[in-house]
Amino acid sequence: MRMGQSGKDIVKLALPALLAAAAAFYVAFLFVEPAPPDRLAIATGGTGGAYHHFAEAYREILAGEDVSLELRPTSGSVENLSLLADPDSGVDVAFVQGGLGDPAAQPDLVALASLYYEPIWIFQRGAPAKDRLSALAGKRIAIGPEGSGTRAVALSLLEANRLSAPPTRLLALGGAEAVEALKAGRVDAAFFVAGARSELILDLLRSEGLSPISLARAEGYAQADASFSTVTLHEGVIDFAANVPSRDVRLLAPAATLVARAELHPALVELLLRAAIRTHREGGLFEAPGAFPATRLLDFPLSEEARRFLERGPSLLNRVLPFWAANFLERMVVLLIPLITLMLPLMRFLPPVYRWRIRARIYRWYKQLRAIDSATRVPLAAPEQSRLLSELSRIEEEVKQVSVPLSYAEPLYHLRLHIELLRGKLRDAAQTPGAAPAGPPS
């Protein structure tokens, strides 16, 4: 089926508009975030620790949105940061103990949120002689394995009290191994970083012959190091019947934070924070409900995407649509904005241009008709009349070949009527007195 002239006109007008729209779409596409990956890896610390437990909760939540979260067990926060800083490690996000990050040395990392308080527990054999770290002078102390956040904070506190050198002995034991060594008398004291309701801490609090040190100068440490907060485990709160603990215990507590590579896809930032809110919003012994996740107590700069989400909440699309559908529509909106900006003026511009092209196909004949009409104002000799009639017949035949949409048929038929009217004037011009007889029209 052959395309009519009006169809060709539409194509001629629409093609440049479509090319302009395609160019705008391509330019916009260059600035649009790609679709988020459907998998990411998180460094979790030891398999029996709180980080790993929370990572499992995150994994279950993300699986509901068809995103796979791979758990990478590590020795602790220091190793987690090392993996994040290594672009070849494959780790995208990690749990990190507050106070360990160095933004100047790791500029490609950002914080997503602080999650909860991680108290620093110092248990020793027997009742503490005094509530100061100086009571540990010359003792055997388990400070956590290499790469752990416990070891880093223990060394910091011991060095501040000049207790990191002999005769004090520091042993690279942590977790269950440190608990066993403490109960067996192989160490005199041990550092732990864990929640009050962790199985390890509950075991230690209930153990005969072991006691937590309550730091009398906790506020001083917190004033000296902004990464520390102070919390109190009040007497009896773990077990009122057995009065565990038997007195108030003053503790230092950095905040556990969620740290990510700066290039982590914004959609995954929001998805991780949604998981964090569901996991941590209820609070705990030291956290009021709704206090975490928070934008404070962070070592690294807060991600702008995380700030927007934590301050404003999820976008409207994310509130009503599944993750992938919402993300697709948000990306499409970014692509459609330049298209709409371009198409609106084109939609206003193209109809007048189309009308002009159709009318031009009709009105272009009037210049020739006007010239013939001007010739009829004087008497015509027969040869001139015959030539003009032949010219008019030629014009009429060409006009018959013009195709226009039905909506423009009226001006076309007006043109044909004007041709017929002019033919009559030509014939009349030959009868003007003094004119030569007119010959038959050709």
Protein backbone atom coordinates (compact mmCIF):
# COMPACT_ATOMS: atom_id res chain seq x y z
CA MET A 1 0.00 0.00 0.00
CA ARG A 2 1.47 3.31 -1.14
CA MET A 3 1.71 6.15 1.34
CA GLY A 4 -0.32 9.26 0.41
CA GLN A 5 1.21 12.71 0.14
CA SER A 6 -0.23 13.76 3.51
CA GLY A 7 1.33 10.68 5.09
CA LYS A 8 4.68 11.62 3.58
CA ASP A 9 4.30 15.10 5.02
CA ILE A 10 3.65 13.70 8.47
CA VAL A 11 6.74 11.51 8.18
CA LYS A 12 8.87 14.44 7.02
CA LEU A 13 7.77 16.49 10.00
CA ALA A 14 7.78 13.70 12.56
CA LEU A 15 11.17 12.24 11.64
CA PRO A 16 13.25 15.27 12.78
CA ALA A 17 11.15 15.43 15.97
CA LEU A 18 11.75 11.74 16.64
CA LEU A 19 15.48 12.14 15.99
CA ALA A 20 15.59 15.09 18.41
CA ALA A 21 13.69 13.07 21.00
CA ALA A 22 16.06 10.12 20.55
CA ALA A 23 19.06 12.44 21.00
CA ALA A 24 17.52 13.89 24.18
CA PHE A 25 16.80 10.38 25.47
CA TYR A 26 20.40 9.33 24.82
CA VAL A 27 21.86 12.38 26.55
CA ALA A 28 19.57 11.82 29.55
CA PHE A 29 20.51 8.14 29.63
CA LEU A 30 24.18 9.08 30.04
CA PHE A 31 23.33 10.84 33.30
CA VAL A 32 20.91 8.28 34.72
CA GLU A 33 22.07 5.76 37.30
CA PRO A 34 22.15 2.24 35.86
CA ALA A 35 19.79 -0.32 37.29
CA PRO A 36 20.96 -1.52 40.72
CA PRO A 37 22.72 -4.89 40.91
CA ASP A 38 20.69 -7.76 42.32
CA ARG A 39 23.44 -8.89 44.68
CA LEU A 40 25.93 -7.35 47.10
CA ALA A 41 28.35 -8.54 49.78
CA ILE A 42 28.56 -7.48 53.42
CA ALA A 43 31.47 -8.02 55.83
CA THR A 44 30.01 -9.31 59.08
CA GLY A 45 32.65 -10.12 61.66
CA GLY A 46 32.68 -13.54 63.36
CA THR A 47 29.88 -16.00 62.67
CA GLY A 48 28.75 -16.05 66.30
CA GLY A 49 28.71 -12.28 66.79
CA ALA A 50 26.02 -9.63 66.67
CA TYR A 51 27.14 -8.33 63.29
CA HIS A 52 26.64 -11.71 61.68
CA HIS A 53 23.27 -12.12 63.39
CA PHE A 54 22.06 -8.76 62.09
CA ALA A 55 23.46 -9.47 58.63
CA GLU A 56 21.32 -12.61 58.49
CA ALA A 57 18.26 -10.47 59.29
CA TYR A 58 19.23 -8.04 56.53
CA ARG A 59 19.69 -10.93 54.10
CA GLU A 60 16.17 -12.19 54.74
CA ILE A 61 14.68 -8.72 54.23
CA LEU A 62 16.61 -8.09 51.01
CA ALA A 63 15.68 -11.52 49.68
CA GLY A 64 12.06 -10.37 49.83
CA GLU A 65 13.02 -7.70 47.28
CA ASP A 66 14.89 -10.18 45.06
CA VAL A 67 18.31 -8.87 46.11
CA SER A 68 20.89 -11.41 47.25
CA LEU A 69 23.07 -10.42 50.22
CA GLU A 70 26.29 -12.42 50.55
CA LEU A 71 27.68 -12.65 54.11
CA ARG A 72 31.48 -12.46 54.43
CA PRO A 73 32.63 -13.58 57.92
CA THR A 74 35.75 -11.75 59.16
CA SER A 75 37.81 -11.28 62.30
CA GLY A 76 36.07 -7.98 63.03
CA SER A 77 35.74 -4.29 62.27
CA VAL A 78 39.37 -3.61 61.35
CA GLU A 79 39.30 -6.34 58.71
CA ASN A 80 35.88 -5.14 57.56
CA LEU A 81 37.29 -1.67 56.88
CA SER A 82 40.27 -3.17 55.09
CA LEU A 83 37.99 -5.17 52.81
CA LEU A 84 35.83 -2.13 52.07
CA ALA A 85 38.88 -0.07 51.17
CA ASP A 86 40.13 -2.80 48.79
CA PRO A 87 38.34 -2.36 45.43
CA ASP A 88 39.10 -5.98 44.50
CA SER A 89 37.60 -7.56 47.64
CA GLY A 90 34.05 -7.60 46.31
CA VAL A 91 32.71 -6.27 49.64
CA ASP A 92 30.18 -3.46 49.20
CA VAL A 93 29.10 -2.72 52.76
CA ALA A 94 30.19 -3.66 56.28
CA PHE A 95 29.36 -3.40 59.95
CA VAL A 96 32.04 -1.31 61.66
CA GLN A 97 32.60 -0.42 65.28
CA GLY A 98 32.57 3.33 65.90
CA GLY A 99 35.87 5.08 66.48
CA LEU A 100 37.91 2.94 64.09
CA GLY A 101 37.37 4.78 60.82
CA ASP A 102 39.80 7.28 59.33
CA PRO A 103 38.08 9.35 56.60
CA ALA A 104 41.38 10.92 55.52
CA ALA A 105 42.95 7.51 54.92
CA GLN A 106 39.76 5.98 53.47
CA PRO A 107 38.13 8.77 51.43
CA ASP A 108 36.09 6.38 49.28
CA LEU A 109 33.97 5.16 52.19
CA VAL A 110 30.72 6.67 53.48
CA ALA A 111 28.52 5.98 56.47
CA LEU A 112 24.91 4.92 55.96
CA ALA A 113 23.81 5.11 59.61
CA SER A 114 24.70 4.34 63.19
CA LEU A 115 22.72 1.31 64.35
CA TYR A 116 23.00 0.74 68.09
CA TYR A 117 25.37 1.10 71.03
CA GLU A 118 28.14 -1.48 71.41
CA PRO A 119 29.27 -1.37 75.06
CA ILE A 120 32.89 -2.13 75.90
CA TRP A 121 32.91 -4.73 78.65
CA ILE A 122 35.96 -5.39 80.81
CA PHE A 123 35.55 -8.51 82.93
CA GLN A 124 38.11 -9.58 85.49
CA ARG A 125 38.49 -12.43 87.91
CA GLY A 126 37.26 -11.63 91.42
CA ALA A 127 35.69 -8.42 92.58
CA PRO A 128 37.31 -5.27 91.14
CA ALA A 129 39.59 -3.51 93.60
CA LYS A 130 38.64 -0.21 92.03
CA ASP A 131 36.61 1.02 89.10
CA ARG A 132 39.57 2.16 87.06
CA LEU A 133 41.67 0.54 84.36
CA SER A 134 44.73 0.98 86.54
CA ALA A 135 43.48 -2.12 88.39
CA LEU A 136 44.71 -4.11 85.36
CA ALA A 137 48.37 -3.12 85.74
CA GLY A 138 50.64 -6.15 85.39
CA LYS A 139 47.73 -8.49 84.59
CA ARG A 140 47.22 -10.94 81.75
CA ILE A 141 44.57 -9.34 79.51
CA ALA A 142 42.71 -10.79 76.53
CA ILE A 143 42.24 -7.90 74.11
CA GLY A 144 40.77 -9.64 71.04
CA PRO A 145 42.31 -11.11 67.88
CA GLU A 146 44.14 -9.18 65.19
CA GLY A 147 41.72 -7.33 62.92
CA SER A 148 39.00 -7.02 65.55
CA GLY A 149 37.43 -3.80 66.78
CA THR A 150 37.72 -5.10 70.33
CA ARG A 151 41.51 -5.22 70.06
CA ALA A 152 41.68 -1.70 68.58
CA VAL A 153 39.59 -0.10 71.35
CA ALA A 154 41.29 -2.13 74.11
CA LEU A 155 44.73 -0.99 72.97
CA SER A 156 43.50 2.61 72.79
CA LEU A 157 42.22 2.55 76.37
CA LEU A 158 45.21 0.67 77.77
CA GLU A 159 47.68 2.98 76.05
CA ALA A 160 45.83 6.01 77.42
CA ASN A 161 46.47 4.56 80.90
CA ARG A 162 50.06 3.46 80.07
CA LEU A 163 49.14 -0.17 80.57
CA SER A 164 50.07 -1.63 77.17
CA ALA A 165 53.70 -2.43 78.02
CA PRO A 166 55.21 -5.11 80.32
CA PRO A 167 54.72 -6.26 82.94
CA THR A 168 51.14 -6.20 81.60
CA ARG A 169 50.67 -9.09 79.15
CA LEU A 170 48.30 -8.65 76.22
CA LEU A 171 46.89 -11.79 74.59
CA ALA A 172 45.18 -12.04 71.18
CA LEU A 173 42.11 -13.87 72.48
CA GLY A 174 38.50 -12.89 71.86
CA GLY A 175 34.95 -14.14 71.99
CA ALA A 176 34.28 -17.62 73.37
CA GLU A 177 38.02 -18.34 73.51
CA ALA A 178 38.57 -15.36 75.81
CA VAL A 179 35.62 -16.39 78.02
CA GLU A 180 37.04 -19.88 78.40
CA ALA A 181 40.50 -18.52 79.23
CA LEU A 182 39.04 -16.11 81.79
CA LYS A 183 37.02 -18.83 83.54
CA ALA A 184 40.00 -21.18 83.53
CA GLY A 185 42.30 -18.57 85.04
CA ARG A 186 44.62 -18.38 82.02
CA VAL A 187 43.92 -14.65 81.82
CA ASP A 188 43.08 -12.17 84.58
CA ALA A 189 40.85 -9.85 82.54
CA ALA A 190 39.30 -9.64 79.09
CA PHE A 191 37.80 -6.99 76.82
CA PHE A 192 34.59 -7.61 74.88
CA VAL A 193 32.47 -5.42 72.62
CA ALA A 194 28.91 -6.74 72.56
CA GLY A 195 25.30 -6.03 73.47
CA ALA A 196 24.09 -6.61 77.01
CA ARG A 197 21.81 -9.44 75.94
CA SER A 198 24.36 -11.33 73.88
CA GLU A 199 24.80 -14.91 75.08
CA LEU A 200 28.48 -14.29 75.77
CA ILE A 201 27.84 -11.27 78.05
CA LEU A 202 24.90 -12.92 79.82
CA ASP A 203 27.13 -15.90 80.56
CA LEU A 204 29.85 -13.66 81.98
CA LEU A 205 27.44 -11.61 84.09
CA ARG A 206 26.07 -14.78 85.69
CA SER A 207 29.46 -16.45 86.21
CA GLU A 208 30.72 -16.82 89.78
CA GLY A 209 34.14 -15.28 90.40
CA LEU A 210 33.92 -12.85 87.46
CA SER A 211 32.83 -9.21 87.61
CA PRO A 212 32.51 -6.32 85.15
CA ILE A 213 34.51 -3.17 85.76
CA SER A 214 32.31 -0.08 86.09
CA LEU A 215 34.35 2.80 84.71
CA ALA A 216 34.29 5.66 87.20
CA ARG A 217 35.83 7.96 84.57
CA ALA A 218 33.55 6.95 81.68
CA GLU A 219 32.44 10.55 81.03
CA GLY A 220 36.07 11.60 80.87
CA TYR A 221 36.89 9.02 78.21
CA ALA A 222 33.80 10.10 76.24
CA GLN A 223 34.83 13.74 76.48
CA ALA A 224 38.30 12.89 75.21
CA ASP A 225 37.03 10.72 72.33
CA ALA A 226 33.81 11.74 70.57
CA SER A 227 33.31 8.22 69.23
CA PHE A 228 32.45 7.06 72.77
CA SER A 229 29.10 7.44 74.46
CA THR A 230 28.41 6.40 78.05
CA VAL A 231 25.67 3.96 79.09
CA THR A 232 24.70 2.36 82.37
CA LEU A 233 23.60 -1.20 82.98
CA HIS A 234 21.54 -0.76 86.12
CA GLU A 235 21.55 -3.11 89.09
CA GLY A 236 19.32 -6.15 88.65
CA VAL A 237 18.16 -5.32 85.12
CA ILE A 238 19.38 -8.61 83.64
CA ASP A 239 17.85 -10.77 86.39
CA PHE A 240 16.03 -9.02 89.24
CA ALA A 241 15.52 -12.25 91.20
CA ALA A 242 19.25 -13.05 91.19
CA ASN A 243 20.19 -9.34 91.21
CA VAL A 244 22.31 -9.48 88.05
CA PRO A 245 24.27 -7.30 87.87
CA SER A 246 24.74 -6.74 91.58
CA ARG A 247 25.46 -3.02 91.07
CA ASP A 248 25.24 -0.33 88.41
CA VAL A 249 27.88 -0.82 85.72
CA ARG A 250 29.10 2.29 83.91
CA LEU A 251 30.28 1.50 80.39
CA LEU A 252 31.79 3.19 77.37
CA ALA A 253 29.90 2.48 74.17
CA PRO A 254 30.89 3.27 70.60
CA ALA A 255 28.10 2.92 68.07
CA ALA A 256 27.94 0.12 65.52
CA THR A 257 27.74 1.70 62.09
CA LEU A 258 26.90 0.62 58.58
CA VAL A 259 29.68 1.70 56.21
CA ALA A 260 29.70 1.36 52.42
CA ARG A 261 31.69 2.20 49.34
CA ALA A 262 30.84 5.68 48.09
CA GLU A 263 29.78 4.27 44.70
CA LEU A 264 27.16 1.93 46.16
CA HIS A 265 23.98 2.30 44.09
CA PRO A 266 21.55 4.79 45.70
CA ALA A 267 18.68 2.31 45.42
CA LEU A 268 20.66 -0.25 47.41
CA VAL A 269 21.49 2.40 50.03
CA GLU A 270 17.77 2.92 50.54
CA LEU A 271 17.09 -0.82 50.57
CA LEU A 272 19.78 -1.45 53.21
CA LEU A 273 18.43 1.36 55.39
CA ARG A 274 14.92 -0.04 55.14
CA ALA A 275 16.36 -3.34 56.41
CA ALA A 276 18.25 -1.48 59.17
CA ILE A 277 15.10 0.30 60.32
CA ARG A 278 13.13 -2.93 60.49
CA THR A 279 15.96 -4.60 62.41
CA HIS A 280 17.03 -1.90 64.88
CA ARG A 281 14.08 0.47 65.38
CA GLU A 282 12.76 -1.37 68.46
CA GLY A 283 15.86 -0.36 70.44
CA GLY A 284 17.29 -2.25 73.41
CA LEU A 285 18.56 -1.85 76.94
CA PHE A 286 20.61 1.18 75.97
CA GLU A 287 18.62 2.48 72.99
CA ALA A 288 15.19 4.10 73.10
CA PRO A 289 12.74 2.84 70.46
CA GLY A 290 13.20 4.82 67.25
CA ALA A 291 16.56 6.29 68.32
CA PHE A 292 18.40 4.20 65.70
CA PRO A 293 19.29 4.05 62.83
CA ALA A 294 20.66 7.56 63.24
CA THR A 295 22.77 10.16 61.45
CA ARG A 296 25.04 10.80 64.45
CA LEU A 297 28.01 9.00 66.03
CA LEU A 298 29.64 8.43 62.64
CA ASP A 299 33.32 8.29 61.71
CA PHE A 300 32.78 8.69 57.97
CA PRO A 301 30.81 11.33 56.06
CA LEU A 302 27.14 10.46 55.83
CA SER A 303 26.03 9.37 52.36
CA GLU A 304 23.74 11.99 50.80
CA GLU A 305 21.30 9.28 49.73
CA ALA A 306 21.27 7.98 53.31
CA ARG A 307 20.70 11.48 54.69
CA ARG A 308 17.72 12.06 52.41
CA PHE A 309 16.19 8.72 53.29
CA LEU A 310 16.68 9.03 57.05
CA GLU A 311 15.37 12.60 57.12
CA ARG A 312 12.48 12.27 54.66
CA GLY A 313 11.68 8.58 54.56
CA PRO A 314 11.10 6.48 51.44
CA SER A 315 9.84 8.05 48.23
CA LEU A 316 6.17 7.80 47.35
CA LEU A 317 6.88 5.11 44.74
CA ASN A 318 8.81 3.01 47.27
CA ARG A 319 5.92 3.25 49.70
CA VAL A 320 3.40 1.76 47.28
CA LEU A 321 5.43 -0.37 44.86
CA PRO A 322 7.92 -3.24 45.12
CA PHE A 323 11.59 -2.25 45.09
CA TRP A 324 12.35 -3.09 41.46
CA ALA A 325 9.16 -1.51 40.10
CA ALA A 326 9.74 1.69 42.07
CA ASN A 327 13.37 1.90 40.98
CA PHE A 328 12.44 1.34 37.32
CA LEU A 329 9.82 4.09 37.39
CA GLU A 330 12.13 6.53 39.17
CA ARG A 331 14.79 5.97 36.51
CA MET A 332 12.23 6.37 33.75
CA VAL A 333 11.04 9.67 35.22
CA VAL A 334 14.58 11.01 34.96
CA LEU A 335 14.69 9.91 31.33
CA LEU A 336 11.26 11.31 30.51
CA ILE A 337 11.87 14.80 31.90
CA PRO A 338 14.08 15.95 28.96
CA LEU A 339 11.77 14.18 26.51
CA ILE A 340 8.72 15.98 27.88
CA THR A 341 10.62 19.27 27.95
CA LEU A 342 11.45 18.80 24.28
CA MET A 343 8.16 17.30 23.09
CA LEU A 344 5.84 19.94 24.57
CA PRO A 345 7.13 22.76 22.36
CA LEU A 346 7.38 20.36 19.41
CA MET A 347 3.74 19.37 19.86
CA ARG A 348 2.80 23.04 19.73
CA PHE A 349 5.08 23.74 16.79
CA LEU A 350 4.36 20.78 14.50
CA PRO A 351 0.58 21.27 13.85
CA PRO A 352 1.00 24.84 12.47
CA VAL A 353 3.90 23.65 10.33
CA TYR A 354 1.82 20.75 9.04
CA ARG A 355 -1.08 23.09 8.20
CA TRP A 356 1.30 25.43 6.43
CA ARG A 357 2.72 22.60 4.32
CA ILE A 358 -0.76 21.40 3.27
CA ARG A 359 -2.00 24.89 2.47
CA ALA A 360 1.24 25.68 0.62
CA ARG A 361 0.46 22.75 -1.67
CA ILE A 362 -2.76 24.57 -2.63
CA TYR A 363 -1.84 28.24 -2.44
CA ARG A 364 1.30 27.97 -4.54
CA TRP A 365 -0.90 27.90 -7.68
CA TYR A 366 -2.41 31.28 -6.95
CA LYS A 367 0.74 33.11 -8.07
CA GLN A 368 0.26 31.67 -11.58
CA LEU A 369 -3.47 32.31 -11.49
CA ARG A 370 -2.86 35.92 -10.48
CA ALA A 371 -0.56 36.40 -13.49
CA ILE A 372 -3.23 34.99 -15.83
CA ASP A 373 -5.90 37.13 -14.15
CA SER A 374 -3.81 40.26 -14.67
CA ALA A 375 -3.63 39.47 -18.40
CA THR A 376 -7.44 39.55 -18.66
CA ARG A 377 -7.56 43.24 -17.76
CA VAL A 378 -6.74 44.19 -21.36
CA PRO A 379 -8.24 42.87 -24.59
CA LEU A 380 -6.50 39.69 -25.69
CA ALA A 381 -5.53 38.63 -29.15
CA ALA A 382 -6.61 35.16 -30.11
CA PRO A 383 -3.12 33.59 -29.91
CA GLU A 384 -2.55 35.06 -26.43
CA GLN A 385 -5.98 33.93 -25.28
CA SER A 386 -5.31 30.44 -26.59
CA ARG A 387 -1.91 30.32 -24.83
CA LEU A 388 -3.38 31.43 -21.51
CA LEU A 389 -6.24 28.95 -21.78
CA SER A 390 -3.70 26.19 -22.45
CA GLU A 391 -1.67 27.34 -19.43
CA LEU A 392 -4.82 27.29 -17.31
CA SER A 393 -5.67 23.77 -18.49
CA ARG A 394 -2.18 22.64 -17.57
CA ILE A 395 -2.59 24.14 -14.11
CA GLU A 396 -5.97 22.45 -13.73
CA GLU A 397 -4.52 19.04 -14.62
CA GLU A 398 -1.71 19.47 -12.12
CA VAL A 399 -4.13 20.57 -9.41
CA LYS A 400 -6.14 17.39 -9.97
CA GLN A 401 -3.05 15.45 -8.91
CA VAL A 402 -2.83 17.27 -5.56
CA SER A 403 -3.81 15.09 -2.59
CA VAL A 404 -4.78 16.65 0.72
CA PRO A 405 -6.53 15.33 3.85
CA LEU A 406 -10.31 15.65 3.88
CA SER A 407 -10.08 18.44 6.41
CA TYR A 408 -8.29 20.53 3.77
CA ALA A 409 -10.56 19.62 0.84
CA GLU A 410 -12.44 22.94 0.99
CA PRO A 411 -9.51 25.19 -0.02
CA LEU A 412 -8.60 22.67 -2.76
CA TYR A 413 -12.08 22.86 -4.27
CA HIS A 414 -12.01 26.64 -3.93
CA LEU A 415 -8.86 26.58 -6.05
CA ARG A 416 -10.58 24.51 -8.72
CA LEU A 417 -13.56 26.89 -8.69
CA HIS A 418 -11.18 29.83 -9.10
CA ILE A 419 -9.56 28.11 -12.07
CA GLU A 420 -12.97 27.69 -13.69
CA LEU A 421 -13.85 31.30 -12.90
CA LEU A 422 -10.62 32.46 -14.53
CA ARG A 423 -11.30 30.34 -17.60
CA GLY A 424 -14.61 32.20 -18.02
CA LYS A 425 -12.84 35.55 -17.68
CA LEU A 426 -10.36 34.52 -20.39
CA ARG A 427 -13.15 33.61 -22.74
CA ASP A 428 -14.90 36.91 -21.99
CA ALA A 429 -11.68 38.82 -22.60
CA ALA A 430 -11.71 37.75 -26.28
CA GLN A 431 -15.16 39.35 -26.76
CA THR A 432 -14.01 42.73 -25.57
CA PRO A 433 -14.59 45.36 -28.36
CA GLY A 434 -11.48 45.79 -30.48
CA ALA A 435 -10.10 42.43 -29.49
CA ALA A 436 -9.13 39.84 -32.06
CA PRO A 437 -11.49 36.83 -32.38
CA ALA A 438 -10.65 34.15 -29.87
CA GLY A 439 -9.52 30.77 -31.10
CA PRO A 440 -10.66 27.46 -29.64
CA PRO A 441 -9.03 26.57 -26.31
CA SER A 442 -6.31 23.98 -26.55
